[in-house]
Amino acid sequence: MLDTTTSDTAAPPEERRGCLFALSQPPLMIFLAVIGCLLLMASLHDLLLL
């Protein structure tokens, strides 16, 4: 049977979080979605109505 207990002497090093962790945050994704929708609406307006 495997020993799954953790000891104080073998503490894991802190994880480095990169760009994918930052992109997975909901407020950032909402912000990027709003900016993307605004850009899409502006480009469609330029292409279809002007």
PDB file of N, CA and C in Angstrom:
ATOM      1  N   MET A   1       0.833  -1.174   0.000  1.00  0.00           N
ATOM      2  CA  MET A   1       0.000   0.000   0.000  1.00  0.00           C
ATOM      3  C   MET A   1       0.881   1.241   0.000  1.00  0.00           C
ATOM      4  N   LEU A   2       0.478   2.258  -0.735  1.00  0.00           N
ATOM      5  CA  LEU A   2       1.277   3.471  -0.832  1.00  0.00           C
ATOM      6  C   LEU A   2       1.078   4.349   0.391  1.00  0.00           C
ATOM      7  N   ASP A   3       2.162   4.994   0.795  1.00  0.00           N
ATOM      8  CA  ASP A   3       2.099   5.931   1.915  1.00  0.00           C
ATOM      9  C   ASP A   3       1.742   7.303   1.358  1.00  0.00           C
ATOM     10  N   THR A   4       0.546   7.783   1.643  1.00  0.00           N
ATOM     11  CA  THR A   4       0.100   9.068   1.100  1.00  0.00           C
ATOM     12  C   THR A   4       0.154  10.191   2.127  1.00  0.00           C
ATOM     13  N   THR A   5       0.776   9.947   3.254  1.00  0.00           N
ATOM     14  CA  THR A   5       0.872  10.998   4.264  1.00  0.00           C
ATOM     15  C   THR A   5       1.958  11.981   3.866  1.00  0.00           C
ATOM     16  N   THR A   6       1.780  13.229   4.246  1.00  0.00           N
ATOM     17  CA  THR A   6       2.770  14.253   3.926  1.00  0.00           C
ATOM     18  C   THR A   6       3.593  14.556   5.171  1.00  0.00           C
ATOM     19  N   SER A   7       4.841  14.784   4.938  1.00  0.00           N
ATOM     20  CA  SER A   7       5.719  15.132   6.056  1.00  0.00           C
ATOM     21  C   SER A   7       6.119  16.595   5.959  1.00  0.00           C
ATOM     22  N   ASP A   8       6.475  17.177   7.094  1.00  0.00           N
ATOM     23  CA  ASP A   8       6.852  18.586   7.120  1.00  0.00           C
ATOM     24  C   ASP A   8       8.207  18.834   6.478  1.00  0.00           C
ATOM     25  N   THR A   9       9.056  17.841   6.446  1.00  0.00           N
ATOM     26  CA  THR A   9      10.400  18.039   5.909  1.00  0.00           C
ATOM     27  C   THR A   9      10.409  18.047   4.388  1.00  0.00           C
ATOM     28  N   ALA A  10       9.446  17.375   3.768  1.00  0.00           N
ATOM     29  CA  ALA A  10       9.414  17.278   2.308  1.00  0.00           C
ATOM     30  C   ALA A  10       8.285  18.142   1.752  1.00  0.00           C
ATOM     31  N   ALA A  11       8.306  19.409   2.071  1.00  0.00           N
ATOM     32  CA  ALA A  11       7.275  20.310   1.571  1.00  0.00           C
ATOM     33  C   ALA A  11       7.517  20.564   0.089  1.00  0.00           C
ATOM     34  N   PRO A  12       6.456  20.507  -0.727  1.00  0.00           N
ATOM     35  CA  PRO A  12       6.635  20.744  -2.166  1.00  0.00           C
ATOM     36  C   PRO A  12       6.977  22.212  -2.427  1.00  0.00           C
ATOM     37  N   PRO A  13       7.782  22.468  -3.435  1.00  0.00           N
ATOM     38  CA  PRO A  13       8.098  23.866  -3.771  1.00  0.00           C
ATOM     39  C   PRO A  13       6.857  24.586  -4.290  1.00  0.00           C
ATOM     40  N   GLU A  14       6.854  25.888  -4.179  1.00  0.00           N
ATOM     41  CA  GLU A  14       5.708  26.659  -4.647  1.00  0.00           C
ATOM     42  C   GLU A  14       5.560  26.512  -6.159  1.00  0.00           C
ATOM     43  N   GLU A  15       4.311  26.352  -6.596  1.00  0.00           N
ATOM     44  CA  GLU A  15       4.051  26.200  -8.031  1.00  0.00           C
ATOM     45  C   GLU A  15       4.113  27.553  -8.713  1.00  0.00           C
ATOM     46  N   ARG A  16       4.735  27.570  -9.869  1.00  0.00           N
ATOM     47  CA  ARG A  16       4.749  28.790 -10.679  1.00  0.00           C
ATOM     48  C   ARG A  16       3.548  28.761 -11.590  1.00  0.00           C
ATOM     49  N   ARG A  17       2.775  29.821 -11.540  1.00  0.00           N
ATOM     50  CA  ARG A  17       1.581  29.882 -12.380  1.00  0.00           C
ATOM     51  C   ARG A  17       1.871  30.792 -13.551  1.00  0.00           C
ATOM     52  N   GLY A  18       1.510  30.326 -14.729  1.00  0.00           N
ATOM     53  CA  GLY A  18       1.846  31.073 -15.931  1.00  0.00           C
ATOM     54  C   GLY A  18       0.637  31.712 -16.573  1.00  0.00           C
ATOM     55  N   CYS A  19       0.747  31.890 -17.861  1.00  0.00           N
ATOM     56  CA  CYS A  19      -0.252  32.625 -18.632  1.00  0.00           C
ATOM     57  C   CYS A  19      -1.582  31.875 -18.683  1.00  0.00           C
ATOM     58  N   LEU A  20      -1.561  30.553 -18.757  1.00  0.00           N
ATOM     59  CA  LEU A  20      -2.807  29.802 -18.842  1.00  0.00           C
ATOM     60  C   LEU A  20      -3.608  29.922 -17.557  1.00  0.00           C
ATOM     61  N   PHE A  21      -2.911  30.023 -16.412  1.00  0.00           N
ATOM     62  CA  PHE A  21      -3.636  30.230 -15.156  1.00  0.00           C
ATOM     63  C   PHE A  21      -4.294  31.601 -15.148  1.00  0.00           C
ATOM     64  N   ALA A  22      -3.602  32.610 -15.650  1.00  0.00           N
ATOM     65  CA  ALA A  22      -4.170  33.963 -15.680  1.00  0.00           C
ATOM     66  C   ALA A  22      -5.367  34.025 -16.621  1.00  0.00           C
ATOM     67  N   LEU A  23      -5.314  33.314 -17.737  1.00  0.00           N
ATOM     68  CA  LEU A  23      -6.424  33.340 -18.685  1.00  0.00           C
ATOM     69  C   LEU A  23      -7.631  32.565 -18.190  1.00  0.00           C
ATOM     70  N   SER A  24      -7.427  31.707 -17.201  1.00  0.00           N
ATOM     71  CA  SER A  24      -8.562  30.922 -16.715  1.00  0.00           C
ATOM     72  C   SER A  24      -9.368  31.662 -15.665  1.00  0.00           C
ATOM     73  N   GLN A  25      -8.983  32.867 -15.308  1.00  0.00           N
ATOM     74  CA  GLN A  25      -9.727  33.624 -14.313  1.00  0.00           C
ATOM     75  C   GLN A  25     -10.994  34.205 -14.933  1.00  0.00           C
ATOM     76  N   PRO A  26     -12.145  34.035 -14.284  1.00  0.00           N
ATOM     77  CA  PRO A  26     -13.411  34.505 -14.866  1.00  0.00           C
ATOM     78  C   PRO A  26     -13.462  36.003 -15.158  1.00  0.00           C
ATOM     79  N   PRO A  27     -13.001  36.911 -14.281  1.00  0.00           N
ATOM     80  CA  PRO A  27     -13.099  38.334 -14.628  1.00  0.00           C
ATOM     81  C   PRO A  27     -12.308  38.695 -15.880  1.00  0.00           C
ATOM     82  N   LEU A  28     -11.153  38.093 -16.057  1.00  0.00           N
ATOM     83  CA  LEU A  28     -10.354  38.370 -17.250  1.00  0.00           C
ATOM     84  C   LEU A  28     -11.040  37.830 -18.492  1.00  0.00           C
ATOM     85  N   MET A  29     -11.632  36.649 -18.386  1.00  0.00           N
ATOM     86  CA  MET A  29     -12.323  36.076 -19.537  1.00  0.00           C
ATOM     87  C   MET A  29     -13.547  36.909 -19.918  1.00  0.00           C
ATOM     88  N   ILE A  30     -14.267  37.443 -18.926  1.00  0.00           N
ATOM     89  CA  ILE A  30     -15.417  38.304 -19.224  1.00  0.00           C
ATOM     90  C   ILE A  30     -14.945  39.574 -19.911  1.00  0.00           C
ATOM     91  N   PHE A  31     -13.858  40.164 -19.408  1.00  0.00           N
ATOM     92  CA  PHE A  31     -13.306  41.376 -20.007  1.00  0.00           C
ATOM     93  C   PHE A  31     -12.885  41.123 -21.452  1.00  0.00           C
ATOM     94  N   LEU A  32     -12.179  40.034 -21.696  1.00  0.00           N
ATOM     95  CA  LEU A  32     -11.731  39.722 -23.052  1.00  0.00           C
ATOM     96  C   LEU A  32     -12.916  39.424 -23.968  1.00  0.00           C
ATOM     97  N   ALA A  33     -13.955  38.786 -23.439  1.00  0.00           N
ATOM     98  CA  ALA A  33     -15.140  38.508 -24.251  1.00  0.00           C
ATOM     99  C   ALA A  33     -15.845  39.805 -24.639  1.00  0.00           C
ATOM    100  N   VAL A  34     -15.946  40.753 -23.709  1.00  0.00           N
ATOM    101  CA  VAL A  34     -16.591  42.036 -24.014  1.00  0.00           C
ATOM    102  C   VAL A  34     -15.788  42.793 -25.066  1.00  0.00           C
ATOM    103  N   ILE A  35     -14.468  42.843 -24.912  1.00  0.00           N
ATOM    104  CA  ILE A  35     -13.623  43.533 -25.884  1.00  0.00           C
ATOM    105  C   ILE A  35     -13.731  42.853 -27.249  1.00  0.00           C
ATOM    106  N   GLY A  36     -13.736  41.520 -27.267  1.00  0.00           N
ATOM    107  CA  GLY A  36     -13.874  40.792 -28.522  1.00  0.00           C
ATOM    108  C   GLY A  36     -15.204  41.061 -29.200  1.00  0.00           C
ATOM    109  N   CYS A  37     -16.289  41.123 -28.409  1.00  0.00           N
ATOM    110  CA  CYS A  37     -17.604  41.422 -28.992  1.00  0.00           C
ATOM    111  C   CYS A  37     -17.641  42.838 -29.550  1.00  0.00           C
ATOM    112  N   LEU A  38     -17.045  43.792 -28.844  1.00  0.00           N
ATOM    113  CA  LEU A  38     -17.009  45.162 -29.355  1.00  0.00           C
ATOM    114  C   LEU A  38     -16.225  45.256 -30.659  1.00  0.00           C
ATOM    115  N   LEU A  39     -15.099  44.568 -30.739  1.00  0.00           N
ATOM    116  CA  LEU A  39     -14.310  44.562 -31.974  1.00  0.00           C
ATOM    117  C   LEU A  39     -15.080  43.890 -33.112  1.00  0.00           C
ATOM    118  N   LEU A  40     -15.776  42.798 -32.796  1.00  0.00           N
ATOM    119  CA  LEU A  40     -16.565  42.104 -33.812  1.00  0.00           C
ATOM    120  C   LEU A  40     -17.702  42.984 -34.320  1.00  0.00           C
ATOM    121  N   MET A  41     -18.389  43.655 -33.407  1.00  0.00           N
ATOM    122  CA  MET A  41     -19.486  44.528 -33.826  1.00  0.00           C
ATOM    123  C   MET A  41     -18.973  45.701 -34.652  1.00  0.00           C
ATOM    124  N   ALA A  42     -17.826  46.262 -34.278  1.00  0.00           N
ATOM    125  CA  ALA A  42     -17.271  47.376 -35.046  1.00  0.00           C
ATOM    126  C   ALA A  42     -16.837  46.918 -36.432  1.00  0.00           C
ATOM    127  N   SER A  43     -16.230  45.737 -36.521  1.00  0.00           N
ATOM    128  CA  SER A  43     -15.789  45.260 -37.838  1.00  0.00           C
ATOM    129  C   SER A  43     -16.981  44.917 -38.728  1.00  0.00           C
ATOM    130  N   LEU A  44     -18.026  44.325 -38.156  1.00  0.00           N
ATOM    131  CA  LEU A  44     -19.219  44.028 -38.957  1.00  0.00           C
ATOM    132  C   LEU A  44     -19.917  45.312 -39.394  1.00  0.00           C
ATOM    133  N   HIS A  45     -19.910  46.308 -38.545  1.00  0.00           N
ATOM    134  CA  HIS A  45     -20.511  47.593 -38.907  1.00  0.00           C
ATOM    135  C   HIS A  45     -19.751  48.206 -40.096  1.00  0.00           C
ATOM    136  N   ASP A  46     -18.420  48.159 -40.027  1.00  0.00           N
ATOM    137  CA  ASP A  46     -17.619  48.711 -41.125  1.00  0.00           C
ATOM    138  C   ASP A  46     -17.821  47.936 -42.420  1.00  0.00           C
ATOM    139  N   LEU A  47     -17.904  46.617 -42.318  1.00  0.00           N
ATOM    140  CA  LEU A  47     -18.011  45.807 -43.522  1.00  0.00           C
ATOM    141  C   LEU A  47     -19.402  45.872 -44.157  1.00  0.00           C
ATOM    142  N   LEU A  48     -20.445  45.889 -43.351  1.00  0.00           N
ATOM    143  CA  LEU A  48     -21.789  45.728 -43.886  1.00  0.00           C
ATOM    144  C   LEU A  48     -22.556  47.043 -44.043  1.00  0.00           C
ATOM    145  N   LEU A  49     -22.275  48.031 -43.192  1.00  0.00           N
ATOM    146  CA  LEU A  49     -23.099  49.226 -43.219  1.00  0.00           C
ATOM    147  C   LEU A  49     -22.411  50.430 -43.812  1.00  0.00           C
ATOM    148  N   LEU A  50     -21.109  50.435 -43.909  1.00  0.00           N
ATOM    149  CA  LEU A  50     -20.415  51.605 -44.480  1.00  0.00           C
ATOM    150  C   LEU A  50     -20.059  51.377 -45.935  1.00  0.00           C
TER     151      LEU A  50
END
